[in-house]
Amino acid sequence: MHTAFISIGSNIGDRFENCKKAIASLAGQEGITIVKTSSFYETEPWGEIEQGWFINCVVEIKTELVSKDLLVLLLTIEKEFGRNRAEKGGPRSIDFDIIFFNSEIIKTENLIIPHPLLHKRRFVLMPLSEIAPDVIHPVLKKSAADLLSQVNDDKKVVRCKN
């Protein structure tokens, strides 16, 4: 079994419901078990495109899938939610990012793990640190909690009361 951490976000429609349904869809897949789910966080958009605020969370999973097959599954679920990847960084009904996969370092045309921007994004580090503060970034050799304490990201991230 492999351990993976997946960031989930939505900023179109009922953002909370989209995230809840995405987690349920992931949990319903053969060979995947949800181990932990962070709180939901309302987060200011990150990037150049004007868009609505996100709801974000992170889940820890156990899976029999290898990383490339997990990516295919996540992209399939995104499509089922109506995700349009045409505009990079644009609004999305649901977005999955594989943050960590075991302690592997993977760099292919379609998949980079650990996620190359996670150490710069408070909206990923806060929920990740909530459920796995001691998980170590395999490239930077720092814990999620350490990365959060050092992040230089002034975007607002507010834990939701859910």
C-alpha atoms as a PDB file:
ATOM      1  CA  MET A   1       0.000   0.000   0.000  1.00  0.00           C
ATOM      2  CA  HIS A   2       1.092   3.514  -0.803  1.00  0.00           C
ATOM      3  CA  THR A   3       0.444   6.669   1.214  1.00  0.00           C
ATOM      4  CA  ALA A   4      -0.508   9.827  -0.642  1.00  0.00           C
ATOM      5  CA  PHE A   5      -1.604  13.310   0.339  1.00  0.00           C
ATOM      6  CA  ILE A   6      -4.034  15.032  -2.007  1.00  0.00           C
ATOM      7  CA  SER A   7      -5.063  18.667  -1.997  1.00  0.00           C
ATOM      8  CA  ILE A   8      -8.691  19.300  -2.972  1.00  0.00           C
ATOM      9  CA  GLY A   9     -10.192  22.644  -3.926  1.00  0.00           C
ATOM     10  CA  SER A  10     -13.279  24.231  -5.480  1.00  0.00           C
ATOM     11  CA  ASN A  11     -14.344  27.775  -6.297  1.00  0.00           C
ATOM     12  CA  ILE A  12     -17.380  27.215  -8.552  1.00  0.00           C
ATOM     13  CA  GLY A  13     -20.921  26.433  -7.403  1.00  0.00           C
ATOM     14  CA  ASP A  14     -21.456  25.006  -3.920  1.00  0.00           C
ATOM     15  CA  ARG A  15     -17.774  24.805  -3.008  1.00  0.00           C
ATOM     16  CA  PHE A  16     -18.310  22.900   0.270  1.00  0.00           C
ATOM     17  CA  GLU A  17     -20.592  20.352  -1.378  1.00  0.00           C
ATOM     18  CA  ASN A  18     -18.190  19.931  -4.301  1.00  0.00           C
ATOM     19  CA  CYS A  19     -15.345  19.125  -1.920  1.00  0.00           C
ATOM     20  CA  LYS A  20     -17.479  16.769   0.177  1.00  0.00           C
ATOM     21  CA  LYS A  21     -18.659  14.923  -2.929  1.00  0.00           C
ATOM     22  CA  ALA A  22     -15.124  14.747  -4.312  1.00  0.00           C
ATOM     23  CA  ILE A  23     -13.904  13.152  -1.068  1.00  0.00           C
ATOM     24  CA  ALA A  24     -16.829  10.700  -1.162  1.00  0.00           C
ATOM     25  CA  SER A  25     -16.067   9.865  -4.788  1.00  0.00           C
ATOM     26  CA  LEU A  26     -12.429   9.243  -3.949  1.00  0.00           C
ATOM     27  CA  ALA A  27     -13.402   7.097  -0.954  1.00  0.00           C
ATOM     28  CA  GLY A  28     -15.698   5.038  -3.175  1.00  0.00           C
ATOM     29  CA  GLN A  29     -12.917   4.005  -5.531  1.00  0.00           C
ATOM     30  CA  GLU A  30     -11.558   0.472  -5.395  1.00  0.00           C
ATOM     31  CA  GLY A  31      -8.091   0.344  -3.861  1.00  0.00           C
ATOM     32  CA  ILE A  32      -8.373   3.688  -2.024  1.00  0.00           C
ATOM     33  CA  THR A  33      -8.957   4.290   1.675  1.00  0.00           C
ATOM     34  CA  ILE A  34      -9.265   7.765   3.185  1.00  0.00           C
ATOM     35  CA  VAL A  35      -7.090   7.854   6.320  1.00  0.00           C
ATOM     36  CA  LYS A  36      -7.492  11.497   7.389  1.00  0.00           C
ATOM     37  CA  THR A  37      -9.312  14.570   6.142  1.00  0.00           C
ATOM     38  CA  SER A  38      -8.395  18.085   7.185  1.00  0.00           C
ATOM     39  CA  SER A  39     -10.844  20.801   8.052  1.00  0.00           C
ATOM     40  CA  PHE A  40     -12.096  22.921   5.191  1.00  0.00           C
ATOM     41  CA  TYR A  41     -10.417  26.281   4.645  1.00  0.00           C
ATOM     42  CA  GLU A  42     -11.721  29.279   2.746  1.00  0.00           C
ATOM     43  CA  THR A  43      -8.833  30.636   0.750  1.00  0.00           C
ATOM     44  CA  GLU A  44      -8.052  33.670  -1.325  1.00  0.00           C
ATOM     45  CA  PRO A  45      -7.276  32.782  -4.962  1.00  0.00           C
ATOM     46  CA  TRP A  46      -3.613  32.332  -5.798  1.00  0.00           C
ATOM     47  CA  GLY A  47      -2.377  33.516  -9.191  1.00  0.00           C
ATOM     48  CA  GLU A  48      -3.080  36.079 -11.860  1.00  0.00           C
ATOM     49  CA  ILE A  49      -6.675  35.277 -12.790  1.00  0.00           C
ATOM     50  CA  GLU A  50      -9.561  37.191 -11.164  1.00  0.00           C
ATOM     51  CA  GLN A  51     -11.857  34.589  -9.601  1.00  0.00           C
ATOM     52  CA  GLY A  52     -13.835  33.615  -6.523  1.00  0.00           C
ATOM     53  CA  TRP A  53     -12.408  32.325  -3.260  1.00  0.00           C
ATOM     54  CA  PHE A  54     -11.782  28.606  -2.823  1.00  0.00           C
ATOM     55  CA  ILE A  55     -12.685  25.962  -0.327  1.00  0.00           C
ATOM     56  CA  ASN A  56      -9.613  23.762   0.168  1.00  0.00           C
ATOM     57  CA  CYS A  57      -8.701  20.716   2.212  1.00  0.00           C
ATOM     58  CA  VAL A  58      -6.152  17.896   2.209  1.00  0.00           C
ATOM     59  CA  VAL A  59      -6.774  14.180   2.515  1.00  0.00           C
ATOM     60  CA  GLU A  60      -4.364  11.412   3.369  1.00  0.00           C
ATOM     61  CA  ILE A  61      -5.082   8.183   1.542  1.00  0.00           C
ATOM     62  CA  LYS A  62      -3.803   4.628   1.394  1.00  0.00           C
ATOM     63  CA  THR A  63      -3.893   3.203  -2.105  1.00  0.00           C
ATOM     64  CA  GLU A  64      -2.914   0.184  -4.124  1.00  0.00           C
ATOM     65  CA  LEU A  65      -2.541   2.417  -7.187  1.00  0.00           C
ATOM     66  CA  VAL A  66       0.840   3.598  -8.392  1.00  0.00           C
ATOM     67  CA  SER A  67       1.232   7.370  -8.763  1.00  0.00           C
ATOM     68  CA  LYS A  68       0.514   7.580 -12.510  1.00  0.00           C
ATOM     69  CA  ASP A  69      -2.677   5.519 -12.108  1.00  0.00           C
ATOM     70  CA  LEU A  70      -3.751   7.675  -9.169  1.00  0.00           C
ATOM     71  CA  LEU A  71      -3.288  10.757 -11.369  1.00  0.00           C
ATOM     72  CA  VAL A  72      -5.461   9.219 -14.107  1.00  0.00           C
ATOM     73  CA  LEU A  73      -8.164   8.440 -11.545  1.00  0.00           C
ATOM     74  CA  LEU A  74      -8.097  11.979 -10.108  1.00  0.00           C
ATOM     75  CA  LEU A  75      -8.323  13.532 -13.581  1.00  0.00           C
ATOM     76  CA  THR A  76     -11.284  11.260 -14.361  1.00  0.00           C
ATOM     77  CA  ILE A  77     -13.081  12.375 -11.191  1.00  0.00           C
ATOM     78  CA  GLU A  78     -12.354  16.020 -12.054  1.00  0.00           C
ATOM     79  CA  LYS A  79     -13.986  15.509 -15.472  1.00  0.00           C
ATOM     80  CA  GLU A  80     -17.021  13.923 -13.813  1.00  0.00           C
ATOM     81  CA  PHE A  81     -17.345  17.146 -11.795  1.00  0.00           C
ATOM     82  CA  GLY A  82     -17.206  19.225 -14.970  1.00  0.00           C
ATOM     83  CA  ARG A  83     -13.636  20.427 -14.529  1.00  0.00           C
ATOM     84  CA  ASN A  84     -12.339  22.360 -17.514  1.00  0.00           C
ATOM     85  CA  ARG A  85      -8.549  22.436 -17.658  1.00  0.00           C
ATOM     86  CA  ALA A  86      -8.460  24.747 -20.701  1.00  0.00           C
ATOM     87  CA  GLU A  87      -7.560  27.832 -18.637  1.00  0.00           C
ATOM     88  CA  LYS A  88      -4.527  27.120 -16.464  1.00  0.00           C
ATOM     89  CA  GLY A  89      -5.118  28.522 -12.998  1.00  0.00           C
ATOM     90  CA  GLY A  90      -8.724  29.392 -13.807  1.00  0.00           C
ATOM     91  CA  PRO A  91     -11.885  28.723 -11.785  1.00  0.00           C
ATOM     92  CA  ARG A  92     -12.688  25.085 -11.135  1.00  0.00           C
ATOM     93  CA  SER A  93     -15.539  22.969  -9.880  1.00  0.00           C
ATOM     94  CA  ILE A  94     -13.019  20.580  -8.355  1.00  0.00           C
ATOM     95  CA  ASP A  95      -9.246  20.366  -8.382  1.00  0.00           C
ATOM     96  CA  PHE A  96      -7.057  17.539  -7.143  1.00  0.00           C
ATOM     97  CA  ASP A  97      -3.284  17.833  -6.686  1.00  0.00           C
ATOM     98  CA  ILE A  98      -1.072  15.002  -5.508  1.00  0.00           C
ATOM     99  CA  ILE A  99       1.083  16.679  -2.868  1.00  0.00           C
ATOM    100  CA  PHE A 100       3.125  13.670  -1.750  1.00  0.00           C
ATOM    101  CA  PHE A 101       3.218  10.027  -2.819  1.00  0.00           C
ATOM    102  CA  ASN A 102       5.117   7.996  -0.213  1.00  0.00           C
ATOM    103  CA  SER A 103       8.411   9.862  -0.055  1.00  0.00           C
ATOM    104  CA  GLU A 104       8.962   9.569  -3.791  1.00  0.00           C
ATOM    105  CA  ILE A 105      10.377  12.249  -6.039  1.00  0.00           C
ATOM    106  CA  ILE A 106       8.738  11.986  -9.458  1.00  0.00           C
ATOM    107  CA  LYS A 107       9.291  14.259 -12.432  1.00  0.00           C
ATOM    108  CA  THR A 108       7.605  13.289 -15.687  1.00  0.00           C
ATOM    109  CA  GLU A 109       5.874  15.276 -18.401  1.00  0.00           C
ATOM    110  CA  ASN A 110       2.470  14.766 -16.735  1.00  0.00           C
ATOM    111  CA  LEU A 111       3.316  14.423 -13.052  1.00  0.00           C
ATOM    112  CA  ILE A 112       5.624  16.167 -10.609  1.00  0.00           C
ATOM    113  CA  ILE A 113       5.713  14.956  -6.993  1.00  0.00           C
ATOM    114  CA  PRO A 114       6.120  16.513  -4.551  1.00  0.00           C
ATOM    115  CA  HIS A 115       3.931  19.271  -5.928  1.00  0.00           C
ATOM    116  CA  PRO A 116       6.449  21.920  -7.052  1.00  0.00           C
ATOM    117  CA  LEU A 117       4.632  24.881  -5.432  1.00  0.00           C
ATOM    118  CA  LEU A 118       3.350  23.350  -2.208  1.00  0.00           C
ATOM    119  CA  HIS A 119       6.038  24.982  -0.044  1.00  0.00           C
ATOM    120  CA  LYS A 120       4.910  28.406  -1.317  1.00  0.00           C
ATOM    121  CA  ARG A 121       1.181  27.931  -0.729  1.00  0.00           C
ATOM    122  CA  ARG A 122      -0.365  28.552   2.662  1.00  0.00           C
ATOM    123  CA  PHE A 123      -3.688  27.118   1.403  1.00  0.00           C
ATOM    124  CA  VAL A 124      -1.997  23.719   1.022  1.00  0.00           C
ATOM    125  CA  LEU A 125       0.349  23.865   3.999  1.00  0.00           C
ATOM    126  CA  MET A 126      -2.306  24.749   6.596  1.00  0.00           C
ATOM    127  CA  PRO A 127      -4.575  21.740   5.982  1.00  0.00           C
ATOM    128  CA  LEU A 128      -1.562  19.466   5.386  1.00  0.00           C
ATOM    129  CA  SER A 129      -0.011  20.559   8.687  1.00  0.00           C
ATOM    130  CA  GLU A 130      -3.325  19.992  10.447  1.00  0.00           C
ATOM    131  CA  ILE A 131      -3.410  16.278   9.556  1.00  0.00           C
ATOM    132  CA  ALA A 132       0.301  15.508   9.090  1.00  0.00           C
ATOM    133  CA  PRO A 133       2.548  18.135  10.673  1.00  0.00           C
ATOM    134  CA  ASP A 134       5.520  15.772  10.752  1.00  0.00           C
ATOM    135  CA  VAL A 135       5.372  14.534   7.149  1.00  0.00           C
ATOM    136  CA  ILE A 136       8.703  15.351   5.492  1.00  0.00           C
ATOM    137  CA  HIS A 137       9.053  17.035   2.112  1.00  0.00           C
ATOM    138  CA  PRO A 138      11.379  14.604   0.288  1.00  0.00           C
ATOM    139  CA  VAL A 139      13.241  17.338  -1.604  1.00  0.00           C
ATOM    140  CA  LEU A 140      13.393  20.144   0.968  1.00  0.00           C
ATOM    141  CA  LYS A 141      13.834  17.742   3.932  1.00  0.00           C
ATOM    142  CA  LYS A 142      11.522  19.842   6.108  1.00  0.00           C
ATOM    143  CA  SER A 143       8.283  18.920   7.857  1.00  0.00           C
ATOM    144  CA  ALA A 144       4.933  20.333   6.781  1.00  0.00           C
ATOM    145  CA  ALA A 145       4.802  22.294  10.047  1.00  0.00           C
ATOM    146  CA  ASP A 146       8.257  23.781   9.401  1.00  0.00           C
ATOM    147  CA  LEU A 147       7.310  24.720   5.842  1.00  0.00           C
ATOM    148  CA  LEU A 148       4.138  26.400   7.121  1.00  0.00           C
ATOM    149  CA  SER A 149       6.085  28.405   9.698  1.00  0.00           C
ATOM    150  CA  GLN A 150       8.447  29.617   6.959  1.00  0.00           C
ATOM    151  CA  VAL A 151       5.996  30.242   4.102  1.00  0.00           C
ATOM    152  CA  ASN A 152       6.041  33.709   2.565  1.00  0.00           C
ATOM    153  CA  ASP A 153       2.435  33.802   1.321  1.00  0.00           C
ATOM    154  CA  ASP A 154       0.180  36.666   2.395  1.00  0.00           C
ATOM    155  CA  LYS A 155      -3.001  35.223   0.864  1.00  0.00           C
ATOM    156  CA  LYS A 156      -5.818  34.789   3.381  1.00  0.00           C
ATOM    157  CA  VAL A 157      -6.578  31.255   4.561  1.00  0.00           C
ATOM    158  CA  VAL A 158      -9.384  30.864   7.121  1.00  0.00           C
ATOM    159  CA  ARG A 159     -10.367  27.587   8.760  1.00  0.00           C
ATOM    160  CA  CYS A 160     -14.093  26.989   8.314  1.00  0.00           C
ATOM    161  CA  LYS A 161     -16.389  25.984  11.151  1.00  0.00           C
ATOM    162  CA  ASN A 162     -17.764  22.799   9.630  1.00  0.00           C
END
